[in-house]
Structures are given as structure tokens and as C-alpha cells.
Amino acid sequence: MVEKKITTKIQVINYTELTETEKKLVELSKEATQNSYTPYSHFNVGAALLLENGEMIKGSNQENAAFAGICAERSAFYNAGANYPGVDIVMVAIAAFHNGEFVEDPCSPCGMCRQAMLEFEKNTKKPIQVLLVGREQVYRVDSISALLPLSFKEF
């Protein structure tokens, strides 16, 4: 038997330690939570992307009765792919709002979103930085691949 150890480096930072660009992206992700349509889960998630050309894009989760909705992360990434083809994504910020306030601990993307975002990262051949937003702290992760170390490789 061979045992492998997988580790992920996560920087836990206060809002005051964010760069101005990171602060703007975090605020946009929080704004995006208010555009969610969540009549079933009541769990509003917002994502904001920084593109290489300086554009910032928002996405929010959208639910429906058939439970065939879309998460905020894929909403934002697919928006970028459709409207800015060939423009690399540099950074994503993700925030969640529930029971009238932002969640205390940063919320991490679901597995489907991790895989979808990872394919964007692999296509750009550069890491996409991730900011997971909590009420008082932000988790900074150097790349999407760090969130999904055992990803599908055949694509």
C-alpha cells in the first residue's frame, strides 16, 4: 500500500489585509448575493470574477422547482465564457448570505462548481486565485486546483 498526503494552503486574512482590487471583488460578490433567486434553499450565494482585461463580472445562484438551478460560481464563469471569450479569469470571490446576514465562516464551492471552474483554469494555463468570503475573514487560495486536488483529468 502507498499512502499519499494531500494538503491545501489557505491564507486566513482580515478585510484590512486585502488589496484594493480584492476588496472591490469581495464587495461585488456580496452585492451579487442580493440578485439570487432562492425560494427553496433561502441560501443566497454571489460570485464575482476579475478578468485579465480588468472587467468584473457578477453571478448569483438561481433555483427553480425542478431543482435544476445553477450555482453562483458557474453563473459567473459561464457568463464570462459567453461574453468574454478568450479573456482569462484572474480571480474569483464567493460570498453567501443566509438568515438575514452574511455567513460567519467562508463558504466553499460545491464539487460541480469546482470541476467547472477548474476547467477554466486549465484552459488558461494559469492559476485563478480564490477568495472565500466570511463575515469577518476571507480565505485566500492560490488556485482552483487547490480546492479540487483529485479532479477529473481527462478533458
Protein backbone atom coordinates (compact mmCIF):
# COMPACT_ATOMS: atom_id res chain seq x y z
CA MET A 1 0.00 0.00 0.00
CA VAL A 2 1.08 3.53 -0.78
CA GLU A 3 -0.27 6.44 1.18
CA LYS A 4 -0.48 9.91 -0.32
CA LYS A 5 -0.95 13.11 1.62
CA ILE A 6 -2.85 15.98 0.03
CA THR A 7 -2.58 19.44 1.54
CA THR A 8 -4.07 22.78 0.62
CA LYS A 9 -2.59 26.12 1.62
CA ILE A 10 -5.26 28.57 2.72
CA GLN A 11 -4.44 32.06 3.91
CA VAL A 12 -6.88 33.34 6.53
CA ILE A 13 -6.91 37.11 6.24
CA ASN A 14 -8.81 40.08 7.61
CA TYR A 15 -10.55 42.53 5.30
CA THR A 16 -7.95 45.17 6.10
CA GLU A 17 -5.26 42.93 4.58
CA LEU A 18 -6.99 42.69 1.18
CA THR A 19 -5.69 44.64 -1.77
CA GLU A 20 -7.99 47.33 -3.19
CA THR A 21 -8.83 45.04 -6.12
CA GLU A 22 -9.63 42.16 -3.78
CA LYS A 23 -11.84 44.44 -1.65
CA LYS A 24 -13.77 45.53 -4.75
CA LEU A 25 -14.25 41.93 -5.86
CA VAL A 26 -15.40 40.87 -2.38
CA GLU A 27 -17.94 43.71 -2.32
CA LEU A 28 -19.23 42.71 -5.76
CA SER A 29 -19.65 39.10 -4.60
CA LYS A 30 -21.65 40.34 -1.62
CA GLU A 31 -23.79 42.54 -3.91
CA ALA A 32 -24.42 39.54 -6.16
CA THR A 33 -25.96 37.57 -3.26
CA GLN A 34 -28.87 40.03 -3.39
CA ASN A 35 -29.59 39.01 -7.01
CA SER A 36 -30.05 35.36 -6.10
CA TYR A 37 -33.37 33.62 -6.67
CA THR A 38 -33.60 31.11 -3.82
CA PRO A 39 -37.22 30.38 -2.89
CA TYR A 40 -36.32 26.84 -1.78
CA SER A 41 -32.96 26.94 -0.01
CA HIS A 42 -33.03 30.61 1.07
CA PHE A 43 -29.22 30.40 0.80
CA ASN A 44 -28.03 33.26 -1.41
CA VAL A 45 -24.61 32.94 -2.99
CA GLY A 46 -22.81 35.55 -5.05
CA ALA A 47 -19.65 35.26 -7.11
CA ALA A 48 -17.57 37.98 -8.71
CA LEU A 49 -14.80 37.49 -11.27
CA LEU A 50 -11.87 39.67 -12.21
CA LEU A 51 -10.94 39.21 -15.84
CA GLU A 52 -7.49 39.81 -17.29
CA ASN A 53 -8.81 42.87 -19.16
CA GLY A 54 -9.92 44.46 -15.85
CA GLU A 55 -13.63 43.74 -16.28
CA MET A 56 -15.51 42.42 -13.24
CA ILE A 57 -18.48 40.09 -13.65
CA LYS A 58 -21.09 39.01 -11.11
CA GLY A 59 -23.09 35.80 -10.85
CA SER A 60 -25.66 34.53 -8.36
CA ASN A 61 -27.38 31.26 -7.67
CA GLN A 62 -30.76 30.72 -9.33
CA GLU A 63 -33.17 27.98 -8.24
CA ASN A 64 -36.36 26.55 -9.70
CA ALA A 65 -39.00 23.99 -8.73
CA ALA A 66 -37.33 21.25 -10.81
CA PHE A 67 -34.14 21.68 -8.75
CA ALA A 68 -32.29 22.33 -11.98
CA GLY A 69 -30.85 25.67 -10.96
CA ILE A 70 -27.33 26.97 -11.22
CA CYS A 71 -24.81 27.99 -8.59
CA ALA A 72 -23.34 31.50 -8.43
CA GLU A 73 -19.87 30.34 -9.43
CA ARG A 74 -20.97 28.61 -12.64
CA SER A 75 -23.34 31.50 -13.38
CA ALA A 76 -20.39 33.93 -13.30
CA PHE A 77 -17.89 31.68 -15.08
CA TYR A 78 -20.30 30.75 -17.89
CA ASN A 79 -21.21 34.43 -18.24
CA ALA A 80 -17.51 35.21 -18.69
CA GLY A 81 -17.09 32.41 -21.22
CA ALA A 82 -20.12 33.54 -23.23
CA ASN A 83 -19.45 37.28 -23.17
CA TYR A 84 -15.66 37.49 -22.96
CA PRO A 85 -14.33 34.51 -24.94
CA GLY A 86 -10.56 34.27 -24.86
CA VAL A 87 -10.23 36.64 -21.89
CA ASP A 88 -8.66 34.86 -18.93
CA ILE A 89 -10.17 34.89 -15.45
CA VAL A 90 -7.68 36.07 -12.84
CA MET A 91 -9.62 35.86 -9.56
CA VAL A 92 -12.99 34.84 -8.12
CA ALA A 93 -14.64 35.96 -4.87
CA ILE A 94 -17.53 33.96 -3.40
CA ALA A 95 -19.91 35.17 -0.64
CA ALA A 96 -23.00 33.64 0.97
CA PHE A 97 -25.98 35.29 2.68
CA HIS A 98 -28.43 33.36 4.88
CA ASN A 99 -30.99 34.24 7.55
CA GLY A 100 -30.54 37.97 7.02
CA GLU A 101 -26.76 38.12 7.26
CA PHE A 102 -23.56 37.02 5.59
CA VAL A 103 -22.35 33.62 6.77
CA GLU A 104 -19.79 33.65 9.55
CA ASP A 105 -17.38 31.15 8.01
CA PRO A 106 -16.38 31.38 4.35
CA CYS A 107 -18.46 29.19 2.07
CA SER A 108 -16.67 26.85 -0.32
CA PRO A 109 -17.96 25.93 -3.80
CA CYS A 110 -19.75 22.64 -4.41
CA GLY A 111 -17.99 19.84 -6.29
CA MET A 112 -19.76 20.57 -9.59
CA CYS A 113 -18.63 24.20 -9.45
CA ARG A 114 -15.09 23.22 -8.50
CA GLN A 115 -14.83 20.99 -11.56
CA ALA A 116 -16.36 23.61 -13.87
CA MET A 117 -14.07 26.36 -12.56
CA LEU A 118 -11.06 24.07 -12.76
CA GLU A 119 -11.64 23.56 -16.47
CA PHE A 120 -11.49 27.33 -16.98
CA GLU A 121 -8.24 27.39 -15.00
CA LYS A 122 -6.75 24.53 -17.03
CA ASN A 123 -7.73 26.22 -20.30
CA THR A 124 -5.99 29.45 -19.28
CA LYS A 125 -2.92 27.54 -18.10
CA LYS A 126 -2.63 29.99 -15.17
CA PRO A 127 -3.91 29.75 -11.61
CA ILE A 128 -7.14 31.55 -10.77
CA GLN A 129 -6.98 32.95 -7.24
CA VAL A 130 -9.99 32.23 -4.99
CA LEU A 131 -11.37 34.45 -2.22
CA LEU A 132 -13.90 32.73 0.03
CA VAL A 133 -15.76 35.42 1.96
CA GLY A 134 -16.83 35.13 5.58
CA ARG A 135 -18.36 37.74 7.85
CA GLU A 136 -15.04 38.84 9.35
CA GLN A 137 -12.39 36.89 7.46
CA VAL A 138 -11.54 35.83 3.94
CA TYR A 139 -9.85 32.62 2.90
CA ARG A 140 -7.38 33.21 0.07
CA VAL A 141 -6.48 30.17 -2.01
CA ASP A 142 -3.83 30.38 -4.73
CA SER A 143 -5.70 28.34 -7.34
CA ILE A 144 -8.90 26.47 -8.04
CA SER A 145 -6.90 23.25 -8.42
CA ALA A 146 -6.06 23.51 -4.70
CA LEU A 147 -9.80 23.17 -3.98
CA LEU A 148 -10.12 20.00 -6.06
CA PRO A 149 -6.88 18.02 -5.89
CA LEU A 150 -8.47 14.77 -7.15
CA SER A 151 -10.20 16.25 -10.18
CA PHE A 152 -11.22 14.60 -13.42
CA LYS A 153 -8.09 14.77 -15.57
CA GLU A 154 -9.42 13.58 -18.92
CA PHE A 155 -10.86 16.68 -20.53
